Protein backbone atom coordinates (compact mmCIF):
# COMPACT_ATOMS: atom_id res chain seq x y z
CA MET A 1 -6.00 -9.12 11.69
CA LEU A 2 -4.19 -11.02 8.88
CA PRO A 3 -5.26 -14.39 7.55
CA ASP A 4 -3.38 -17.68 7.97
CA ARG A 5 -0.35 -18.09 5.79
CA THR A 6 -2.15 -20.34 3.31
CA ARG A 7 -2.93 -19.48 -0.29
CA GLU A 8 -6.64 -20.13 0.22
CA ALA A 9 -6.89 -17.93 3.31
CA GLU A 10 -4.98 -15.11 1.62
CA ASP A 11 -7.14 -15.42 -1.49
CA ALA A 12 -10.30 -15.08 0.60
CA PHE A 13 -8.79 -12.13 2.55
CA VAL A 14 -7.84 -10.26 -0.66
CA ALA A 15 -11.33 -11.01 -2.09
CA VAL A 16 -12.91 -9.30 0.92
CA TRP A 17 -10.67 -6.22 0.48
CA THR A 18 -11.45 -6.15 -3.24
CA GLU A 19 -15.16 -5.75 -2.45
CA THR A 20 -14.85 -3.17 0.34
CA GLU A 21 -14.56 0.61 -0.20
CA ASP A 22 -12.61 1.20 3.04
CA THR A 23 -9.41 2.76 1.65
CA GLU A 24 -8.11 3.78 5.08
CA GLY A 25 -8.64 0.22 6.37
CA LEU A 26 -6.80 -1.13 3.31
CA LEU A 27 -3.87 1.16 3.96
CA GLU A 28 -3.73 -0.06 7.57
CA VAL A 29 -3.85 -3.73 6.49
CA ILE A 30 -0.99 -3.10 4.05
CA ASP A 31 1.00 -1.59 6.91
CA VAL A 32 0.36 -4.68 9.02
CA ALA A 33 1.27 -7.05 6.17
CA MET A 34 4.55 -5.20 5.69
CA ALA A 35 5.29 -5.29 9.41
CA GLU A 36 4.51 -9.05 9.60
CA ARG A 37 6.87 -9.62 6.61
CA ARG A 38 4.15 -11.09 4.35
CA PRO A 39 5.49 -10.01 0.94
CA MET A 40 2.96 -11.80 -1.28
CA LEU A 41 -0.05 -10.64 0.72
CA ALA A 42 1.33 -7.09 0.94
CA ALA A 43 2.01 -6.92 -2.79
CA ARG A 44 -1.48 -8.21 -3.64
CA LEU A 45 -3.04 -5.62 -1.30
CA VAL A 46 -0.97 -2.77 -2.77
CA GLY A 47 -2.35 -3.77 -6.15
CA LEU A 48 -5.84 -3.04 -4.86
CA LEU A 49 -5.00 0.68 -4.47
CA ASP A 50 -5.26 1.20 -8.21
CA GLY A 51 -8.52 2.97 -8.96
CA ARG A 52 -9.20 3.77 -5.28
CA VAL A 53 -6.67 6.53 -4.93
CA GLU A 54 -5.00 8.90 -7.33
CA ILE A 55 -1.47 7.66 -8.06
CA PRO A 56 0.47 10.35 -9.89
CA PRO A 57 3.41 9.34 -12.13
CA GLY A 58 6.70 9.42 -10.27
CA SER A 59 5.08 9.31 -6.84
CA ALA A 60 6.01 6.97 -3.95
CA ALA A 61 2.67 5.23 -4.47
CA GLU A 62 3.51 4.51 -8.13
CA HIS A 63 6.90 3.16 -7.07
CA ALA A 64 5.22 0.88 -4.48
CA GLN A 65 2.83 -0.42 -7.16
CA ARG A 66 5.71 -1.17 -9.56
CA ALA A 67 7.60 -2.93 -6.75
CA ALA A 68 4.50 -4.95 -5.83
CA ARG A 69 3.91 -6.00 -9.49
CA PHE A 70 7.64 -6.99 -9.80
CA LEU A 71 7.45 -9.04 -6.63
CA LEU A 72 4.33 -10.86 -7.75
CA HIS A 73 5.76 -11.44 -11.23
CA THR A 74 9.08 -12.94 -9.99
CA ALA A 75 7.63 -14.99 -7.10
CA LYS A 76 8.02 -18.76 -7.28
CA GLN A 77 6.51 -21.47 -5.17
CA VAL A 78 9.08 -23.89 -3.78
CA ARG A 79 7.91 -26.82 -1.61
CA GLY A 80 4.65 -25.08 -0.78
CA GLU A 81 6.40 -21.86 0.29
CA TRP A 82 6.57 -18.67 -1.76
CA SER A 83 10.04 -17.51 -2.68
CA VAL A 84 10.58 -13.98 -3.96
CA GLU A 85 13.59 -12.60 -5.80
CA GLU A 86 16.23 -11.23 -3.47
CA GLY A 87 15.67 -7.55 -2.84
CA ALA A 88 12.12 -7.50 -4.20
CA PHE A 89 10.45 -7.30 -0.79
CA GLU A 90 13.00 -4.76 0.45
CA ASP A 91 12.23 -2.56 -2.54
CA LEU A 92 8.51 -2.85 -1.82
CA GLU A 93 9.15 -2.05 1.89
CA ALA A 94 11.19 1.00 1.03
CA ALA A 95 8.59 2.27 -1.44
CA TRP A 96 5.75 1.66 1.04
CA SER A 97 7.73 3.45 3.74
CA ASP A 98 7.80 6.51 1.47
CA VAL A 99 4.04 6.19 0.86
CA ARG A 100 3.45 5.97 4.59
CA ALA A 101 5.65 9.02 5.30
CA ASP A 102 3.78 11.03 2.61
CA ARG A 103 0.44 9.93 4.09
CA MET A 104 1.47 10.93 7.62
CA ARG A 105 2.68 14.32 6.33
CA ARG A 106 -0.69 14.90 4.67
CA ILE A 107 -2.58 13.81 7.80
CA ARG A 108 -0.63 16.31 9.89
CA ALA A 109 -1.21 19.05 7.29
CA ARG A 110 -4.97 18.35 7.28
CA GLN A 111 -5.09 18.48 11.08
CA ARG A 112 -3.02 21.64 11.20
CA ASP A 113 -5.24 23.32 8.60
CA ALA A 114 -8.39 22.25 10.49
CA LEU A 115 -7.01 23.71 13.72
CA GLU A 116 -6.17 26.96 11.97
CA GLY A 117 -9.61 27.14 10.31
CA LYS A 118 -8.27 26.77 6.77
CA ARG A 119 -10.52 25.02 4.29
CA THR A 120 -8.15 23.12 2.04
CA ARG A 121 -8.49 19.73 0.37
CA ILE A 122 -5.45 17.52 0.99
CA PRO A 123 -5.75 14.03 -0.48
CA ARG A 124 -5.15 11.00 1.73
CA VAL A 125 -2.69 8.92 -0.26
CA ALA A 126 -1.35 10.70 -3.30
CA ARG A 127 -1.40 14.17 -4.67
CA ARG A 128 -0.98 15.88 -8.03
CA LYS A 129 2.22 17.73 -8.74
CA GLY A 130 1.84 21.43 -8.00
CA LYS A 131 -0.82 21.00 -5.34
CA ARG A 132 -0.18 22.13 -1.81
CA GLU A 133 0.87 19.45 0.60
């Protein structure tokens, strides 16, 4: 599912995801990149969420975006390998874990409401403060 660990392959992969409108697919690919411990790829993919989903201030998604930007900003290439500042990927992982937990909570709420016949709109990734979860 993920590209080879070369800069060229990752650039092409990110370019494909930049062009697609499949937000759910993008979220899944970010999950896989996190699980595979691919910090640079994961951070670049998290950056693609901007403009696709609503990211309220103070949300887990905003924290993940800030962590991704920090990781990309502090990354250095040493002998052909990317090196990230200590703790940067862990911060991104923790923030993404919160995003994933929020997303799963909303999925369960949507399914529960559908089963109960309620017609509510629950966003997929982020929500505005004051809205029902």
